[in-house]
Amino acid sequence: MINLRSTWAIYTRELMRFLRTAFQSVLAPVLTTSLYFIVFGAAIGSRMPDLGGVEYGAFIIPGLLMLTLLGETTSNSSFGIYMPRFTGTIYELLTAPVGVAETLVGFVGAAATKSLILAAIILLTAALFVDYSIAHPVWAFIYIVLVASSFSLFGFILGIWADNFEKLGIIPLLFLTPLTFLGGTFYSIDMLPKPWDTIALANPIVYLVSGLRWTFYGSADVDFRISLGITLAFLAVCVTIIAYIFKTGWRLRD
């Protein structure tokens, strides 16, 4: 049975860290997203035709949301578990009567919560620049929660794997961000010439962006069921890896 007091202690501590670094955690992503809306939504978007019957400024909202969500979720979660390892306080956690479930729910739950808060703020910010509506709000919420949970787990794995700050940032900077830009954030895959439209489907981020875009506008480059299936599969892989980490103690005591 999960020790709720231990889980709550870890969860609230991580959320307080989020609030102490509000400028970096909230204001910086919001300002960055606002600049994207100003440049791509207003300046360039006014010259772009509608995509699938959706105004270009509104079309890029799911992509920008995913761009911020993936990067911030992974970074928050990885930093949350890496710092106790870096400072040595991880040993206090390992020797305390706190189980695997409490540790995982506390850290990952806090990272996912931060991402949901950030997603809500970005959607409110987007409303200042462009009119949009969400065709399937329930599915949008479920999908955002799934993505936030999946990449919180992924960030947790990254924070355990990394043994220095360079490794901590290499995955978000060199892989996640470029793949998200190439994953249909600012364009539809159908706009690409052959064979690039087919090659683009090898990018897993395409399915995440496409899935979220379907929840907003009811149409996307990829069938929503495929996007949902890939997201759930990624979540299952992350859970399996974390189960192995806690079972073997891999790198937790390094």
Protein backbone atom coordinates (compact mmCIF):
# COMPACT_ATOMS: atom_id res chain seq x y z
CA MET A 1 0.00 0.00 0.00
CA ILE A 2 1.28 3.46 -0.96
CA ASN A 3 2.42 5.68 1.91
CA LEU A 4 0.46 8.81 1.04
CA ARG A 5 2.34 11.02 3.49
CA SER A 6 5.71 10.18 1.89
CA THR A 7 4.29 10.67 -1.58
CA TRP A 8 2.79 14.02 -0.63
CA ALA A 9 6.07 15.18 0.94
CA ILE A 10 8.05 14.45 -2.23
CA TYR A 11 5.30 15.88 -4.43
CA THR A 12 4.98 19.17 -2.53
CA ARG A 13 8.75 19.61 -2.26
CA GLU A 14 9.09 19.34 -6.04
CA LEU A 15 6.20 21.75 -6.61
CA MET A 16 7.79 24.26 -4.23
CA ARG A 17 11.00 24.04 -6.24
CA PHE A 18 8.90 24.81 -9.30
CA LEU A 19 7.46 27.91 -7.60
CA ARG A 20 10.90 29.08 -6.42
CA THR A 21 12.12 29.03 -10.02
CA ALA A 22 8.91 30.46 -11.49
CA PHE A 23 10.76 32.83 -13.83
CA GLN A 24 12.69 30.02 -15.46
CA SER A 25 9.93 27.42 -15.22
CA VAL A 26 6.92 29.48 -16.30
CA LEU A 27 7.75 32.96 -17.56
CA ALA A 28 10.57 31.94 -19.91
CA PRO A 29 8.52 29.29 -21.81
CA VAL A 30 5.52 31.63 -22.02
CA LEU A 31 7.65 34.47 -23.42
CA THR A 32 9.23 32.10 -25.93
CA THR A 33 5.82 30.82 -27.03
CA SER A 34 4.54 34.39 -27.32
CA LEU A 35 7.42 35.24 -29.65
CA TYR A 36 6.53 32.24 -31.81
CA PHE A 37 2.95 33.48 -32.05
CA ILE A 38 4.09 37.01 -32.92
CA VAL A 39 6.51 35.85 -35.62
CA PHE A 40 4.74 32.82 -37.07
CA GLY A 41 1.16 33.58 -36.12
CA ALA A 42 0.96 37.29 -36.89
CA ALA A 43 3.84 38.20 -39.22
CA ILE A 44 4.08 35.02 -41.32
CA GLY A 45 0.64 33.57 -40.57
CA SER A 46 -1.15 36.50 -42.19
CA ARG A 47 0.47 35.49 -45.49
CA MET A 48 -0.23 31.77 -45.12
CA PRO A 49 -3.37 30.07 -46.44
CA ASP A 50 -5.64 28.13 -44.11
CA LEU A 51 -4.52 24.56 -43.47
CA GLY A 52 -7.36 22.08 -43.49
CA GLY A 53 -9.79 24.92 -42.94
CA VAL A 54 -7.87 26.15 -39.89
CA GLU A 55 -6.25 29.57 -39.71
CA TYR A 56 -2.47 29.22 -39.66
CA GLY A 57 -2.10 30.99 -36.31
CA ALA A 58 -4.51 28.52 -34.73
CA PHE A 59 -2.99 25.59 -36.64
CA ILE A 60 0.39 25.96 -34.90
CA ILE A 61 -1.05 26.03 -31.35
CA PRO A 62 -0.92 22.22 -30.80
CA GLY A 63 2.61 22.09 -32.19
CA LEU A 64 3.85 24.94 -30.01
CA LEU A 65 2.15 23.40 -27.00
CA MET A 66 3.86 20.08 -27.70
CA LEU A 67 7.20 21.83 -28.28
CA THR A 68 7.06 23.43 -24.85
CA LEU A 69 5.50 20.43 -23.15
CA LEU A 70 8.12 17.92 -24.24
CA GLY A 71 11.10 20.09 -23.42
CA GLU A 72 9.89 21.43 -20.08
CA THR A 73 8.44 18.14 -18.86
CA THR A 74 11.63 16.22 -19.61
CA SER A 75 13.87 18.91 -18.12
CA ASN A 76 11.81 19.35 -14.94
CA SER A 77 11.58 15.65 -14.25
CA SER A 78 15.24 14.87 -15.01
CA PHE A 79 16.50 17.79 -12.92
CA GLY A 80 14.23 16.78 -10.04
CA ILE A 81 15.86 13.36 -9.59
CA TYR A 82 19.36 14.34 -10.76
CA MET A 83 19.93 17.02 -8.13
CA PRO A 84 19.46 14.65 -5.15
CA ARG A 85 22.00 12.35 -6.80
CA PHE A 86 24.36 15.25 -7.47
CA THR A 87 24.17 16.62 -3.92
CA GLY A 88 24.10 13.22 -2.22
CA THR A 89 20.68 13.66 -0.64
CA ILE A 90 19.45 10.65 -2.65
CA TYR A 91 20.88 8.47 0.14
CA GLU A 92 18.42 9.99 2.61
CA LEU A 93 15.61 8.98 0.27
CA LEU A 94 17.01 5.48 -0.26
CA THR A 95 17.39 4.82 3.47
CA ALA A 96 14.01 6.31 4.41
CA PRO A 97 10.93 4.07 4.68
CA VAL A 98 9.78 5.23 1.25
CA GLY A 99 8.95 2.66 -1.39
CA VAL A 100 9.37 2.68 -5.15
CA ALA A 101 5.76 3.68 -5.76
CA GLU A 102 5.94 6.68 -3.41
CA THR A 103 9.18 7.94 -4.97
CA LEU A 104 7.91 7.52 -8.50
CA VAL A 105 4.49 9.06 -7.91
CA GLY A 106 6.01 11.96 -5.99
CA PHE A 107 8.65 12.96 -8.53
CA VAL A 108 6.79 12.08 -11.72
CA GLY A 109 3.46 13.37 -10.44
CA ALA A 110 5.01 16.74 -9.58
CA ALA A 111 6.68 16.99 -13.00
CA ALA A 112 3.41 16.11 -14.76
CA THR A 113 1.51 18.66 -12.66
CA LYS A 114 4.00 21.38 -13.59
CA SER A 115 3.51 20.49 -17.25
CA LEU A 116 -0.28 20.69 -16.98
CA ILE A 117 -0.02 24.11 -15.31
CA LEU A 118 2.33 25.26 -18.06
CA ALA A 119 0.04 23.87 -20.77
CA ALA A 120 -2.93 25.78 -19.32
CA ILE A 121 -0.91 29.01 -19.21
CA ILE A 122 0.22 28.55 -22.82
CA LEU A 123 -3.34 27.96 -24.00
CA LEU A 124 -4.43 31.14 -22.22
CA THR A 125 -1.51 32.98 -23.81
CA ALA A 126 -2.47 31.66 -27.25
CA ALA A 127 -5.97 33.10 -26.80
CA LEU A 128 -4.41 36.57 -26.66
CA PHE A 129 -2.99 36.18 -30.16
CA VAL A 130 -5.46 34.06 -32.11
CA ASP A 131 -9.03 32.79 -31.89
CA TYR A 132 -9.26 29.03 -31.56
CA SER A 133 -11.54 26.35 -30.21
CA ILE A 134 -10.94 22.77 -29.10
CA ALA A 135 -13.09 20.25 -30.96
CA HIS A 136 -12.56 17.41 -28.47
CA PRO A 137 -11.69 19.00 -25.10
CA VAL A 138 -11.94 15.75 -23.12
CA TRP A 139 -9.61 13.92 -25.48
CA ALA A 140 -7.30 16.93 -25.51
CA PHE A 141 -7.02 16.83 -21.73
CA ILE A 142 -6.50 13.05 -21.68
CA TYR A 143 -3.87 13.24 -24.40
CA ILE A 144 -1.97 16.09 -22.73
CA VAL A 145 -1.98 14.14 -19.45
CA LEU A 146 -0.68 11.03 -21.24
CA VAL A 147 2.11 12.97 -22.95
CA ALA A 148 3.02 14.80 -19.74
CA SER A 149 3.11 11.53 -17.78
CA SER A 150 5.12 9.73 -20.46
CA PHE A 151 7.80 12.39 -20.73
CA SER A 152 7.89 12.89 -16.97
CA LEU A 153 8.82 9.21 -16.74
CA PHE A 154 11.28 9.66 -19.60
CA GLY A 155 12.86 12.64 -17.83
CA PHE A 156 13.08 10.60 -14.62
CA ILE A 157 15.01 7.93 -16.54
CA LEU A 158 17.24 10.59 -18.08
CA GLY A 159 17.97 12.09 -14.66
CA ILE A 160 19.06 8.69 -13.37
CA TRP A 161 21.14 7.93 -16.47
CA ALA A 162 22.98 11.27 -16.51
CA ASP A 163 26.16 11.56 -14.48
CA ASN A 164 26.85 15.21 -15.33
CA PHE A 165 24.96 18.34 -16.37
CA GLU A 166 26.03 17.96 -20.00
CA LYS A 167 24.27 14.62 -20.32
CA LEU A 168 21.27 16.06 -18.51
CA GLY A 169 20.69 18.59 -21.27
CA ILE A 170 21.87 16.72 -24.33
CA ILE A 171 18.65 14.78 -24.99
CA PRO A 172 16.23 17.76 -24.80
CA LEU A 173 18.53 20.08 -26.76
CA LEU A 174 19.97 17.79 -29.42
CA PHE A 175 17.09 15.37 -29.94
CA LEU A 176 13.70 16.44 -28.58
CA THR A 177 13.72 20.05 -29.78
CA PRO A 178 14.95 19.34 -33.36
CA LEU A 179 12.58 16.38 -33.74
CA THR A 180 9.68 18.52 -32.55
CA PHE A 181 10.50 21.27 -35.04
CA LEU A 182 10.64 18.61 -37.77
CA GLY A 183 7.50 16.92 -36.46
CA GLY A 184 4.91 19.19 -38.03
CA THR A 185 4.91 21.95 -35.43
CA PHE A 186 4.67 24.73 -38.03
CA TYR A 187 3.41 22.80 -41.04
CA SER A 188 1.39 19.83 -42.19
CA ILE A 189 3.28 16.72 -43.27
CA ASP A 190 1.10 16.72 -46.40
CA MET A 191 2.88 19.92 -47.49
CA LEU A 192 6.19 18.10 -47.85
CA PRO A 193 7.22 16.80 -51.28
CA LYS A 194 7.78 13.11 -51.83
CA PRO A 195 9.63 11.18 -50.47
CA TRP A 196 10.03 13.57 -47.50
CA ASP A 197 6.41 13.20 -46.44
CA THR A 198 6.99 9.46 -46.01
CA ILE A 199 10.40 9.92 -44.36
CA ALA A 200 8.86 12.36 -41.86
CA LEU A 201 6.66 9.55 -40.53
CA ALA A 202 9.80 7.94 -39.09
CA ASN A 203 9.90 10.84 -36.60
CA PRO A 204 7.95 9.71 -33.48
CA ILE A 205 7.15 13.32 -32.54
CA VAL A 206 5.02 13.59 -35.68
CA TYR A 207 2.49 11.25 -34.07
CA LEU A 208 2.40 13.24 -30.82
CA VAL A 209 1.84 16.58 -32.58
CA SER A 210 -0.67 15.02 -34.95
CA GLY A 211 -2.60 13.40 -32.10
CA LEU A 212 -2.89 16.66 -30.19
CA ARG A 213 -3.85 18.54 -33.36
CA TRP A 214 -6.70 16.10 -33.95
CA THR A 215 -8.08 16.77 -30.47
CA PHE A 216 -8.09 20.50 -31.30
CA TYR A 217 -9.46 20.53 -34.84
CA GLY A 218 -10.75 17.04 -35.65
CA SER A 219 -8.24 16.47 -38.44
CA ALA A 220 -4.55 15.59 -38.53
CA ASP A 221 -1.81 14.04 -40.65
CA VAL A 222 -2.03 10.70 -38.82
CA ASP A 223 -5.01 8.74 -37.55
CA PHE A 224 -5.61 9.61 -33.90
CA ARG A 225 -5.79 5.95 -32.91
CA ILE A 226 -2.24 5.43 -34.18
CA SER A 227 -1.00 8.50 -32.29
CA LEU A 228 -2.74 7.33 -29.11
CA GLY A 229 -1.33 3.82 -29.50
CA ILE A 230 2.24 5.09 -29.93
CA THR A 231 1.88 7.36 -26.89
CA LEU A 232 0.61 4.49 -24.74
CA ALA A 233 3.40 2.23 -26.02
CA PHE A 234 6.03 4.83 -25.10
CA LEU A 235 4.45 5.16 -21.65
CA ALA A 236 4.61 1.38 -21.18
CA VAL A 237 8.29 1.28 -22.22
CA CYS A 238 9.18 4.02 -19.73
CA VAL A 239 7.33 2.23 -16.91
CA THR A 240 9.19 -1.00 -17.75
CA ILE A 241 12.58 0.73 -17.70
CA ILE A 242 11.86 2.42 -14.38
CA ALA A 243 10.70 -0.89 -12.88
CA TYR A 244 14.07 -2.37 -13.90
CA ILE A 245 15.97 0.60 -12.40
CA PHE A 246 14.33 0.27 -9.00
CA LYS A 247 14.56 -3.51 -9.04
CA THR A 248 18.30 -3.51 -9.73
CA GLY A 249 19.24 -0.16 -8.14
CA TRP A 250 20.98 0.80 -11.38
CA ARG A 251 22.83 4.14 -10.98
CA LEU A 252 20.71 5.19 -7.99
CA ARG A 253 23.71 4.95 -5.72
CA ASP A 254 26.33 6.24 -8.20
